[in-house]
C-alpha atoms as a PDB file:
ATOM      1  CA  UNK A   1       7.987 -23.602  -0.611  1.00  0.00           C
ATOM      2  CA  UNK A   2       9.103 -23.258  -4.193  1.00  0.00           C
ATOM      3  CA  UNK A   3       8.158 -20.362  -6.415  1.00  0.00           C
ATOM      4  CA  UNK A   4       4.782 -20.536  -8.088  1.00  0.00           C
ATOM      5  CA  UNK A   5       5.199 -21.506 -11.788  1.00  0.00           C
ATOM      6  CA  UNK A   6       3.301 -18.405 -12.879  1.00  0.00           C
ATOM      7  CA  UNK A   7       5.759 -16.247 -10.921  1.00  0.00           C
ATOM      8  CA  UNK A   8       8.661 -18.083 -12.521  1.00  0.00           C
ATOM      9  CA  UNK A   9       7.232 -17.203 -15.930  1.00  0.00           C
ATOM     10  CA  UNK A  10       6.959 -13.528 -14.943  1.00  0.00           C
ATOM     11  CA  UNK A  11      10.566 -13.555 -13.737  1.00  0.00           C
ATOM     12  CA  UNK A  12      11.654 -14.946 -17.101  1.00  0.00           C
ATOM     13  CA  UNK A  13       9.905 -12.044 -18.821  1.00  0.00           C
ATOM     14  CA  UNK A  14      11.610  -9.571 -16.500  1.00  0.00           C
ATOM     15  CA  UNK A  15      15.024 -11.072 -17.301  1.00  0.00           C
ATOM     16  CA  UNK A  16      14.365 -10.311 -20.968  1.00  0.00           C
ATOM     17  CA  UNK A  17      13.399  -6.719 -20.257  1.00  0.00           C
ATOM     18  CA  UNK A  18      15.549  -4.024 -21.871  1.00  0.00           C
ATOM     19  CA  UNK A  19      15.114  -1.699 -18.893  1.00  0.00           C
ATOM     20  CA  UNK A  20      17.937  -1.138 -16.380  1.00  0.00           C
ATOM     21  CA  UNK A  21      17.673  -1.825 -12.655  1.00  0.00           C
ATOM     22  CA  UNK A  22      15.967   1.089 -10.928  1.00  0.00           C
ATOM     23  CA  UNK A  23      18.861   1.709  -8.541  1.00  0.00           C
ATOM     24  CA  UNK A  24      21.131   2.462 -11.521  1.00  0.00           C
ATOM     25  CA  UNK A  25      19.090   5.419 -12.816  1.00  0.00           C
ATOM     26  CA  UNK A  26      17.699   8.691 -11.501  1.00  0.00           C
ATOM     27  CA  UNK A  27      14.406   8.905  -9.637  1.00  0.00           C
ATOM     28  CA  UNK A  28      12.788  10.547 -12.658  1.00  0.00           C
ATOM     29  CA  UNK A  29      13.987   7.751 -14.956  1.00  0.00           C
ATOM     30  CA  UNK A  30      12.848   5.113 -12.458  1.00  0.00           C
ATOM     31  CA  UNK A  31       9.359   6.615 -12.435  1.00  0.00           C
ATOM     32  CA  UNK A  32       9.219   6.589 -16.218  1.00  0.00           C
ATOM     33  CA  UNK A  33      10.281   2.939 -16.329  1.00  0.00           C
ATOM     34  CA  UNK A  34       7.704   1.962 -13.706  1.00  0.00           C
ATOM     35  CA  UNK A  35       4.854   3.829 -15.379  1.00  0.00           C
ATOM     36  CA  UNK A  36       5.769   2.182 -18.694  1.00  0.00           C
ATOM     37  CA  UNK A  37       6.061  -1.371 -17.379  1.00  0.00           C
ATOM     38  CA  UNK A  38       3.465  -1.484 -14.580  1.00  0.00           C
ATOM     39  CA  UNK A  39       0.376  -1.908 -16.800  1.00  0.00           C
ATOM     40  CA  UNK A  40       1.682  -4.996 -18.595  1.00  0.00           C
ATOM     41  CA  UNK A  41       0.747  -7.630 -15.988  1.00  0.00           C
ATOM     42  CA  UNK A  42      -1.537  -5.588 -13.755  1.00  0.00           C
ATOM     43  CA  UNK A  43      -5.087  -6.558 -12.938  1.00  0.00           C
ATOM     44  CA  UNK A  44      -7.232  -5.745 -15.953  1.00  0.00           C
ATOM     45  CA  UNK A  45      -9.096  -2.394 -15.872  1.00  0.00           C
ATOM     46  CA  UNK A  46     -12.724  -2.439 -14.804  1.00  0.00           C
ATOM     47  CA  UNK A  47     -15.429   0.134 -15.392  1.00  0.00           C
ATOM     48  CA  UNK A  48     -16.732   2.019 -12.381  1.00  0.00           C
ATOM     49  CA  UNK A  49     -19.619   4.445 -12.185  1.00  0.00           C
ATOM     50  CA  UNK A  50     -17.438   7.519 -11.739  1.00  0.00           C
ATOM     51  CA  UNK A  51     -13.874   8.679 -11.188  1.00  0.00           C
ATOM     52  CA  UNK A  52     -12.858  12.160 -10.146  1.00  0.00           C
ATOM     53  CA  UNK A  53      -9.437  13.754  -9.665  1.00  0.00           C
ATOM     54  CA  UNK A  54      -9.202  16.429  -6.984  1.00  0.00           C
ATOM     55  CA  UNK A  55      -6.631  18.335  -4.987  1.00  0.00           C
ATOM     56  CA  UNK A  56      -7.060  18.531  -1.220  1.00  0.00           C
ATOM     57  CA  UNK A  57      -5.409  20.759   1.348  1.00  0.00           C
ATOM     58  CA  UNK A  58      -2.293  19.460   3.082  1.00  0.00           C
ATOM     59  CA  UNK A  59       0.011  21.126   5.588  1.00  0.00           C
ATOM     60  CA  UNK A  60       2.803  21.412   3.003  1.00  0.00           C
ATOM     61  CA  UNK A  61       0.601  22.017  -0.029  1.00  0.00           C
ATOM     62  CA  UNK A  62      -2.128  20.380  -2.056  1.00  0.00           C
ATOM     63  CA  UNK A  63      -2.352  16.578  -2.238  1.00  0.00           C
ATOM     64  CA  UNK A  64      -3.793  14.967  -5.397  1.00  0.00           C
ATOM     65  CA  UNK A  65      -6.426  12.269  -4.901  1.00  0.00           C
ATOM     66  CA  UNK A  66      -8.531  10.144  -7.234  1.00  0.00           C
ATOM     67  CA  UNK A  67     -12.019   9.104  -6.157  1.00  0.00           C
ATOM     68  CA  UNK A  68     -13.612   5.891  -7.479  1.00  0.00           C
ATOM     69  CA  UNK A  69     -17.364   5.427  -7.016  1.00  0.00           C
ATOM     70  CA  UNK A  70     -18.505   1.890  -7.921  1.00  0.00           C
ATOM     71  CA  UNK A  71     -22.169   2.657  -8.579  1.00  0.00           C
ATOM     72  CA  UNK A  72     -24.557   5.569  -8.412  1.00  0.00           C
ATOM     73  CA  UNK A  73     -25.634   5.978  -4.804  1.00  0.00           C
ATOM     74  CA  UNK A  74     -29.351   5.890  -4.126  1.00  0.00           C
ATOM     75  CA  UNK A  75     -30.950   9.018  -2.711  1.00  0.00           C
ATOM     76  CA  UNK A  76     -29.423   9.586   0.706  1.00  0.00           C
ATOM     77  CA  UNK A  77     -27.137   6.550   0.433  1.00  0.00           C
ATOM     78  CA  UNK A  78     -23.643   6.844   1.867  1.00  0.00           C
ATOM     79  CA  UNK A  79     -21.100   4.273   0.697  1.00  0.00           C
ATOM     80  CA  UNK A  80     -18.204   2.952   2.776  1.00  0.00           C
ATOM     81  CA  UNK A  81     -14.813   4.478   1.991  1.00  0.00           C
ATOM     82  CA  UNK A  82     -11.372   2.954   1.480  1.00  0.00           C
ATOM     83  CA  UNK A  83      -8.367   5.287   1.579  1.00  0.00           C
ATOM     84  CA  UNK A  84      -5.605   3.715  -0.516  1.00  0.00           C
ATOM     85  CA  UNK A  85      -1.860   4.464  -0.518  1.00  0.00           C
ATOM     86  CA  UNK A  86       0.113   3.128  -3.493  1.00  0.00           C
ATOM     87  CA  UNK A  87       3.485   1.413  -3.322  1.00  0.00           C
ATOM     88  CA  UNK A  88       6.766   2.267  -4.993  1.00  0.00           C
ATOM     89  CA  UNK A  89       9.492   2.566  -2.380  1.00  0.00           C
ATOM     90  CA  UNK A  90       8.447   6.153  -1.557  1.00  0.00           C
ATOM     91  CA  UNK A  91      10.047   7.133  -4.898  1.00  0.00           C
ATOM     92  CA  UNK A  92       7.896   5.762  -7.731  1.00  0.00           C
ATOM     93  CA  UNK A  93       4.221   4.899  -8.230  1.00  0.00           C
ATOM     94  CA  UNK A  94       1.253   7.131  -8.956  1.00  0.00           C
ATOM     95  CA  UNK A  95      -2.501   7.390  -9.213  1.00  0.00           C
ATOM     96  CA  UNK A  96      -2.237   6.076 -12.776  1.00  0.00           C
ATOM     97  CA  UNK A  97      -0.058   3.040 -12.068  1.00  0.00           C
ATOM     98  CA  UNK A  98      -2.497   1.882  -9.372  1.00  0.00           C
ATOM     99  CA  UNK A  99      -5.653   2.881 -11.206  1.00  0.00           C
ATOM    100  CA  UNK A 100      -6.609  -0.675 -12.189  1.00  0.00           C
ATOM    101  CA  UNK A 101      -6.243  -2.033  -8.658  1.00  0.00           C
ATOM    102  CA  UNK A 102      -8.324   0.775  -7.185  1.00  0.00           C
ATOM    103  CA  UNK A 103     -11.078   0.133  -9.724  1.00  0.00           C
ATOM    104  CA  UNK A 104     -11.103  -3.554  -8.831  1.00  0.00           C
ATOM    105  CA  UNK A 105     -11.269  -2.840  -5.104  1.00  0.00           C
ATOM    106  CA  UNK A 106     -14.085  -0.325  -5.549  1.00  0.00           C
ATOM    107  CA  UNK A 107     -16.178  -2.821  -7.465  1.00  0.00           C
ATOM    108  CA  UNK A 108     -15.428  -5.933  -5.424  1.00  0.00           C
ATOM    109  CA  UNK A 109     -15.703  -4.290  -2.002  1.00  0.00           C
ATOM    110  CA  UNK A 110     -18.608  -2.079  -3.163  1.00  0.00           C
ATOM    111  CA  UNK A 111     -17.041   1.008  -1.655  1.00  0.00           C
ATOM    112  CA  UNK A 112     -15.696   4.391  -2.645  1.00  0.00           C
ATOM    113  CA  UNK A 113     -11.916   4.196  -3.035  1.00  0.00           C
ATOM    114  CA  UNK A 114      -9.866   7.350  -2.579  1.00  0.00           C
ATOM    115  CA  UNK A 115      -6.323   6.908  -3.891  1.00  0.00           C
ATOM    116  CA  UNK A 116      -3.776   9.322  -2.405  1.00  0.00           C
ATOM    117  CA  UNK A 117      -0.871  10.688  -4.458  1.00  0.00           C
ATOM    118  CA  UNK A 118       1.439  11.524  -1.549  1.00  0.00           C
ATOM    119  CA  UNK A 119       4.713  13.367  -2.125  1.00  0.00           C
ATOM    120  CA  UNK A 120       7.645  11.306  -3.397  1.00  0.00           C
ATOM    121  CA  UNK A 121      11.352  11.264  -2.609  1.00  0.00           C
ATOM    122  CA  UNK A 122      14.002  12.437  -3.152  1.00  0.00           C
ATOM    123  CA  UNK A 123      12.263  15.750  -3.843  1.00  0.00           C
ATOM    124  CA  UNK A 124      10.284  15.263  -0.625  1.00  0.00           C
ATOM    125  CA  UNK A 125      12.058  13.176   1.953  1.00  0.00           C
ATOM    126  CA  UNK A 126      10.852  11.484   5.131  1.00  0.00           C
ATOM    127  CA  UNK A 127       8.430  12.145   6.761  1.00  0.00           C
ATOM    128  CA  UNK A 128       6.656  13.849   3.826  1.00  0.00           C
ATOM    129  CA  UNK A 129       4.897  10.675   2.618  1.00  0.00           C
ATOM    130  CA  UNK A 130       3.495   9.700   6.013  1.00  0.00           C
ATOM    131  CA  UNK A 131       2.558  13.305   6.795  1.00  0.00           C
ATOM    132  CA  UNK A 132       0.516  13.376   3.584  1.00  0.00           C
ATOM    133  CA  UNK A 133      -1.000   9.997   4.443  1.00  0.00           C
ATOM    134  CA  UNK A 134      -2.439  11.213   7.729  1.00  0.00           C
ATOM    135  CA  UNK A 135      -3.458  14.588   6.315  1.00  0.00           C
ATOM    136  CA  UNK A 136      -5.318  12.900   3.478  1.00  0.00           C
ATOM    137  CA  UNK A 137      -7.142  10.504   5.780  1.00  0.00           C
ATOM    138  CA  UNK A 138      -8.250  13.354   8.034  1.00  0.00           C
ATOM    139  CA  UNK A 139      -9.486  15.405   5.069  1.00  0.00           C
ATOM    140  CA  UNK A 140     -11.363  12.463   3.580  1.00  0.00           C
ATOM    141  CA  UNK A 141     -12.931  11.646   6.950  1.00  0.00           C
ATOM    142  CA  UNK A 142     -14.022  15.262   7.406  1.00  0.00           C
ATOM    143  CA  UNK A 143     -15.413  15.535   3.851  1.00  0.00           C
ATOM    144  CA  UNK A 144     -16.664  11.984   3.325  1.00  0.00           C
ATOM    145  CA  UNK A 145     -20.303  13.025   2.956  1.00  0.00           C
ATOM    146  CA  UNK A 146     -19.365  15.381   0.124  1.00  0.00           C
ATOM    147  CA  UNK A 147     -18.026  12.303  -1.686  1.00  0.00           C
ATOM    148  CA  UNK A 148     -21.191  10.260  -0.966  1.00  0.00           C
ATOM    149  CA  UNK A 149     -19.127   8.433   1.662  1.00  0.00           C
ATOM    150  CA  UNK A 150     -19.888   7.365   5.210  1.00  0.00           C
ATOM    151  CA  UNK A 151     -17.285   8.682   7.699  1.00  0.00           C
ATOM    152  CA  UNK A 152     -18.335   5.960  10.159  1.00  0.00           C
ATOM    153  CA  UNK A 153     -17.416   3.216   7.681  1.00  0.00           C
ATOM    154  CA  UNK A 154     -13.862   3.850   6.557  1.00  0.00           C
ATOM    155  CA  UNK A 155     -10.820   1.655   6.026  1.00  0.00           C
ATOM    156  CA  UNK A 156      -7.225   2.201   4.947  1.00  0.00           C
ATOM    157  CA  UNK A 157      -4.976   0.066   2.760  1.00  0.00           C
ATOM    158  CA  UNK A 158      -1.695   0.130   0.894  1.00  0.00           C
ATOM    159  CA  UNK A 159       1.046  -2.057  -0.501  1.00  0.00           C
ATOM    160  CA  UNK A 160       4.785  -1.943   0.175  1.00  0.00           C
ATOM    161  CA  UNK A 161       5.634   1.720   0.882  1.00  0.00           C
ATOM    162  CA  UNK A 162       1.888   2.319   0.861  1.00  0.00           C
ATOM    163  CA  UNK A 163       1.547  -0.403   3.495  1.00  0.00           C
ATOM    164  CA  UNK A 164       4.025   1.534   5.592  1.00  0.00           C
ATOM    165  CA  UNK A 165       1.968   4.712   5.189  1.00  0.00           C
ATOM    166  CA  UNK A 166      -1.159   2.749   6.101  1.00  0.00           C
ATOM    167  CA  UNK A 167       0.383   1.414   9.317  1.00  0.00           C
ATOM    168  CA  UNK A 168       1.819   4.787  10.330  1.00  0.00           C
ATOM    169  CA  UNK A 169      -1.465   6.542   9.493  1.00  0.00           C
ATOM    170  CA  UNK A 170      -3.363   4.115  11.735  1.00  0.00           C
ATOM    171  CA  UNK A 171      -1.034   4.993  14.609  1.00  0.00           C
ATOM    172  CA  UNK A 172      -1.389   8.714  13.883  1.00  0.00           C
ATOM    173  CA  UNK A 173      -5.170   8.484  13.831  1.00  0.00           C
ATOM    174  CA  UNK A 174      -5.132   6.774  17.231  1.00  0.00           C
ATOM    175  CA  UNK A 175      -2.705   9.285  18.700  1.00  0.00           C
ATOM    176  CA  UNK A 176      -4.713  12.286  17.500  1.00  0.00           C
ATOM    177  CA  UNK A 177      -8.072  10.911  18.562  1.00  0.00           C
ATOM    178  CA  UNK A 178      -9.591  10.918  15.077  1.00  0.00           C
ATOM    179  CA  UNK A 179     -12.348   8.534  14.003  1.00  0.00           C
ATOM    180  CA  UNK A 180     -10.582   5.214  13.576  1.00  0.00           C
ATOM    181  CA  UNK A 181     -10.897   3.150  10.398  1.00  0.00           C
ATOM    182  CA  UNK A 182     -12.674  -0.178  10.728  1.00  0.00           C
ATOM    183  CA  UNK A 183      -9.780  -2.050   9.114  1.00  0.00           C
ATOM    184  CA  UNK A 184      -6.180  -1.541   8.039  1.00  0.00           C
ATOM    185  CA  UNK A 185      -4.914  -3.637   5.138  1.00  0.00           C
ATOM    186  CA  UNK A 186      -1.142  -3.961   4.938  1.00  0.00           C
ATOM    187  CA  UNK A 187       0.086  -5.655   1.762  1.00  0.00           C
ATOM    188  CA  UNK A 188       3.766  -6.674   2.049  1.00  0.00           C
ATOM    189  CA  UNK A 189       4.432  -3.523   4.078  1.00  0.00           C
ATOM    190  CA  UNK A 190       7.687  -1.750   4.873  1.00  0.00           C
ATOM    191  CA  UNK A 191       7.570  -2.043   8.662  1.00  0.00           C
ATOM    192  CA  UNK A 192      10.884  -2.878  10.266  1.00  0.00           C
ATOM    193  CA  UNK A 193      13.279  -0.023   9.631  1.00  0.00           C
ATOM    194  CA  UNK A 194      16.795  -1.131   8.717  1.00  0.00           C
ATOM    195  CA  UNK A 195      16.642  -3.961   6.142  1.00  0.00           C
ATOM    196  CA  UNK A 196      18.458  -6.561   8.218  1.00  0.00           C
ATOM    197  CA  UNK A 197      16.027  -9.460   8.652  1.00  0.00           C
ATOM    198  CA  UNK A 198      16.842 -12.916   7.326  1.00  0.00           C
ATOM    199  CA  UNK A 199      14.417 -12.552   4.405  1.00  0.00           C
ATOM    200  CA  UNK A 200      16.184  -9.384   3.246  1.00  0.00           C
ATOM    201  CA  UNK A 201      19.283 -11.465   2.632  1.00  0.00           C
ATOM    202  CA  UNK A 202      17.619 -14.726   1.600  1.00  0.00           C
ATOM    203  CA  UNK A 203      15.718 -13.026  -1.234  1.00  0.00           C
ATOM    204  CA  UNK A 204      18.206 -10.275  -2.042  1.00  0.00           C
ATOM    205  CA  UNK A 205      18.411 -10.908  -5.794  1.00  0.00           C
ATOM    206  CA  UNK A 206      16.405 -12.124  -8.737  1.00  0.00           C
ATOM    207  CA  UNK A 207      12.872 -11.786  -7.361  1.00  0.00           C
ATOM    208  CA  UNK A 208      11.651  -8.400  -8.698  1.00  0.00           C
ATOM    209  CA  UNK A 209      12.435  -6.415  -5.529  1.00  0.00           C
ATOM    210  CA  UNK A 210      16.178  -6.664  -4.969  1.00  0.00           C
ATOM    211  CA  UNK A 211      18.177  -5.617  -1.949  1.00  0.00           C
ATOM    212  CA  UNK A 212      20.048  -3.109  -4.107  1.00  0.00           C
ATOM    213  CA  UNK A 213      16.780  -1.448  -5.059  1.00  0.00           C
ATOM    214  CA  UNK A 214      15.549  -1.429  -1.448  1.00  0.00           C
ATOM    215  CA  UNK A 215      18.717   0.294  -0.259  1.00  0.00           C
ATOM    216  CA  UNK A 216      18.387   2.797  -3.107  1.00  0.00           C
ATOM    217  CA  UNK A 217      14.745   3.527  -2.240  1.00  0.00           C
ATOM    218  CA  UNK A 218      15.573   4.064   1.412  1.00  0.00           C
ATOM    219  CA  UNK A 219      18.534   6.267   0.534  1.00  0.00           C
ATOM    220  CA  UNK A 220      16.258   8.439  -1.588  1.00  0.00           C
ATOM    221  CA  UNK A 221      13.595   8.681   1.131  1.00  0.00           C
ATOM    222  CA  UNK A 222      15.461   8.967   4.427  1.00  0.00           C
ATOM    223  CA  UNK A 223      17.202  12.212   5.246  1.00  0.00           C
ATOM    224  CA  UNK A 224      19.725  10.493   7.524  1.00  0.00           C
ATOM    225  CA  UNK A 225      20.447   6.910   8.609  1.00  0.00           C
ATOM    226  CA  UNK A 226      18.964   7.538  12.057  1.00  0.00           C
ATOM    227  CA  UNK A 227      15.542   7.996  10.438  1.00  0.00           C
ATOM    228  CA  UNK A 228      15.388   4.215   9.893  1.00  0.00           C
ATOM    229  CA  UNK A 229      14.706   3.857  13.638  1.00  0.00           C
ATOM    230  CA  UNK A 230      11.919   6.454  13.683  1.00  0.00           C
ATOM    231  CA  UNK A 231       8.537   4.728  14.261  1.00  0.00           C
ATOM    232  CA  UNK A 232       7.073   6.873  11.487  1.00  0.00           C
ATOM    233  CA  UNK A 233       9.298   4.844   9.151  1.00  0.00           C
ATOM    234  CA  UNK A 234       9.523   1.674  11.225  1.00  0.00           C
ATOM    235  CA  UNK A 235       6.114   1.148  12.889  1.00  0.00           C
ATOM    236  CA  UNK A 236       7.436  -2.161  14.239  1.00  0.00           C
ATOM    237  CA  UNK A 237       9.553  -0.036  16.593  1.00  0.00           C
ATOM    238  CA  UNK A 238       6.593   1.962  17.930  1.00  0.00           C
ATOM    239  CA  UNK A 239       6.429   1.905  21.729  1.00  0.00           C
ATOM    240  CA  UNK A 240       2.702   1.128  21.769  1.00  0.00           C
ATOM    241  CA  UNK A 241       0.658  -0.755  19.177  1.00  0.00           C
ATOM    242  CA  UNK A 242      -2.440  -1.140  21.313  1.00  0.00           C
ATOM    243  CA  UNK A 243      -5.768   0.416  20.392  1.00  0.00           C
ATOM    244  CA  UNK A 244      -5.173   0.186  16.644  1.00  0.00           C
ATOM    245  CA  UNK A 245      -7.752  -0.948  14.074  1.00  0.00           C
ATOM    246  CA  UNK A 246      -8.014  -4.638  13.194  1.00  0.00           C
ATOM    247  CA  UNK A 247      -5.533  -5.583  10.488  1.00  0.00           C
ATOM    248  CA  UNK A 248      -5.246  -7.821   7.472  1.00  0.00           C
ATOM    249  CA  UNK A 249      -1.541  -8.334   6.790  1.00  0.00           C
ATOM    250  CA  UNK A 250      -0.543  -9.999   3.510  1.00  0.00           C
ATOM    251  CA  UNK A 251       3.037 -11.094   2.880  1.00  0.00           C
ATOM    252  CA  UNK A 252       4.772 -13.001   0.102  1.00  0.00           C
ATOM    253  CA  UNK A 253       6.906 -16.036   0.900  1.00  0.00           C
ATOM    254  CA  UNK A 254       9.789 -14.999  -1.386  1.00  0.00           C
ATOM    255  CA  UNK A 255       9.884 -11.311  -0.494  1.00  0.00           C
ATOM    256  CA  UNK A 256      12.710  -9.431   1.255  1.00  0.00           C
ATOM    257  CA  UNK A 257       9.993  -7.660   3.278  1.00  0.00           C
ATOM    258  CA  UNK A 258       8.360 -10.916   4.403  1.00  0.00           C
ATOM    259  CA  UNK A 259       9.874 -11.162   7.875  1.00  0.00           C
ATOM    260  CA  UNK A 260       9.145  -7.605   8.930  1.00  0.00           C
ATOM    261  CA  UNK A 261       5.545  -7.917   7.744  1.00  0.00           C
ATOM    262  CA  UNK A 262       5.123 -11.063   9.817  1.00  0.00           C
ATOM    263  CA  UNK A 263       6.837  -9.406  12.796  1.00  0.00           C
ATOM    264  CA  UNK A 264       4.501  -6.426  12.583  1.00  0.00           C
ATOM    265  CA  UNK A 265       1.440  -8.678  12.489  1.00  0.00           C
ATOM    266  CA  UNK A 266       2.773 -10.519  15.538  1.00  0.00           C
ATOM    267  CA  UNK A 267       3.426  -7.211  17.297  1.00  0.00           C
ATOM    268  CA  UNK A 268      -0.132  -6.062  16.664  1.00  0.00           C
ATOM    269  CA  UNK A 269      -1.472  -9.360  17.996  1.00  0.00           C
ATOM    270  CA  UNK A 270       0.633  -9.106  21.160  1.00  0.00           C
ATOM    271  CA  UNK A 271      -0.816  -5.625  21.697  1.00  0.00           C
ATOM    272  CA  UNK A 272      -4.338  -7.033  21.565  1.00  0.00           C
ATOM    273  CA  UNK A 273      -5.175  -5.949  18.019  1.00  0.00           C
ATOM    274  CA  UNK A 274      -7.200  -8.373  15.909  1.00  0.00           C
ATOM    275  CA  UNK A 275      -4.964  -9.581  13.066  1.00  0.00           C
ATOM    276  CA  UNK A 276      -5.350 -11.869  10.096  1.00  0.00           C
ATOM    277  CA  UNK A 277      -1.952 -12.794   8.624  1.00  0.00           C
ATOM    278  CA  UNK A 278      -1.817 -14.386   5.175  1.00  0.00           C
ATOM    279  CA  UNK A 279       1.486 -15.654   3.768  1.00  0.00           C
ATOM    280  CA  UNK A 280       1.246 -16.352   0.043  1.00  0.00           C
ATOM    281  CA  UNK A 281       4.209 -18.675   0.166  1.00  0.00           C
ATOM    282  CA  UNK A 282       4.972 -19.123  -3.532  1.00  0.00           C
ATOM    283  CA  UNK A 283       4.746 -15.412  -4.280  1.00  0.00           C
ATOM    284  CA  UNK A 284       7.181 -12.513  -4.643  1.00  0.00           C
ATOM    285  CA  UNK A 285       6.947  -8.861  -3.701  1.00  0.00           C
ATOM    286  CA  UNK A 286       4.441  -7.039  -5.889  1.00  0.00           C
ATOM    287  CA  UNK A 287       2.401 -10.120  -6.797  1.00  0.00           C
ATOM    288  CA  UNK A 288      -0.912  -8.348  -6.238  1.00  0.00           C
ATOM    289  CA  UNK A 289       0.035  -6.008  -9.075  1.00  0.00           C
ATOM    290  CA  UNK A 290       0.703  -9.031 -11.316  1.00  0.00           C
ATOM    291  CA  UNK A 291      -2.886 -10.252 -11.178  1.00  0.00           C
ATOM    292  CA  UNK A 292      -3.251 -10.471 -14.964  1.00  0.00           C
ATOM    293  CA  UNK A 293      -0.588 -13.187 -14.987  1.00  0.00           C
ATOM    294  CA  UNK A 294      -0.582 -14.622 -11.470  1.00  0.00           C
ATOM    295  CA  UNK A 295      -3.721 -16.243 -10.078  1.00  0.00           C
ATOM    296  CA  UNK A 296      -2.661 -15.685  -6.487  1.00  0.00           C
ATOM    297  CA  UNK A 297      -2.688 -11.951  -7.197  1.00  0.00           C
ATOM    298  CA  UNK A 298      -6.373 -12.225  -8.090  1.00  0.00           C
ATOM    299  CA  UNK A 299      -6.958 -14.296  -4.950  1.00  0.00           C
ATOM    300  CA  UNK A 300      -5.301 -11.670  -2.771  1.00  0.00           C
ATOM    301  CA  UNK A 301      -7.451  -8.911  -4.267  1.00  0.00           C
ATOM    302  CA  UNK A 302     -10.525 -11.007  -3.543  1.00  0.00           C
ATOM    303  CA  UNK A 303      -9.312 -11.597   0.008  1.00  0.00           C
ATOM    304  CA  UNK A 304      -8.849  -7.866   0.578  1.00  0.00           C
ATOM    305  CA  UNK A 305     -12.272  -7.101  -0.877  1.00  0.00           C
ATOM    306  CA  UNK A 306     -13.957  -9.741   1.307  1.00  0.00           C
ATOM    307  CA  UNK A 307     -12.211  -8.396   4.427  1.00  0.00           C
ATOM    308  CA  UNK A 308     -13.374  -4.883   3.548  1.00  0.00           C
ATOM    309  CA  UNK A 309     -16.972  -5.967   2.961  1.00  0.00           C
ATOM    310  CA  UNK A 310     -16.990  -7.775   6.301  1.00  0.00           C
ATOM    311  CA  UNK A 311     -15.520  -4.784   8.137  1.00  0.00           C
ATOM    312  CA  UNK A 312     -17.974  -2.366   6.567  1.00  0.00           C
ATOM    313  CA  UNK A 313     -20.923  -4.512   7.659  1.00  0.00           C
ATOM    314  CA  UNK A 314     -19.799  -4.069  11.268  1.00  0.00           C
END
């Protein structure tokens, strides 16, 4: 399928950008570029009843979180909870750059959203991000009632690197016997380890996420090449995918990560996990964060919200 015309327009804007490719600058400079450019085409900000920034205990130190409450709970009411992990190649991204998306999900899914600001590379290399992901979920589950949340109605979600953390967290929750989320939402996730699928080469250049940037992200995050085969980085390589929460897996048709996202969905299905796989064929990596300019980004947000509402109803 050809590129969506709205995506083509976005790509034309990107070509005119004065900013350098992320893989040509330092991690600090890449973060500054991302925080400057991310709001331009993002889903428009929505009001929620309350936001709160907190720090929670992690094994290696405090983990920042931001809590979004869509409306004032009635007396004794406990709202469902979504734990969200932002994208950014394990190097960039923040609570602020994903603030608009979390607001939209809180309102549309009518749930508390807790966004997790896990540690970033290269200052904190693998497995710091996934360690923080599991630690944060466990803390939020244990303290959900303090947040007006229902620990029996929780879900997890993330995009790109955050999709990786979501998948690995789901496996960690199962392995440690914690209360499982009702749904895992993986939006164009990093899942396959070494970037050697056909889509990694087919869409290597010119479509927002380039192969050069992927290799740079992984080089910043992984301590050694062998880490690419560790299931905590490559959940597709996990020995056992059975007993995991139902999954919504969203991929983009013109994304280097497309094939590994599809493969992970197929692996979950073979293991007996309920999976809904959606391939937005005319889209590129990151399209959900382009919802102000790309209609399919809005549609994907609505799809995620509907899946969450359905899961929370039980």
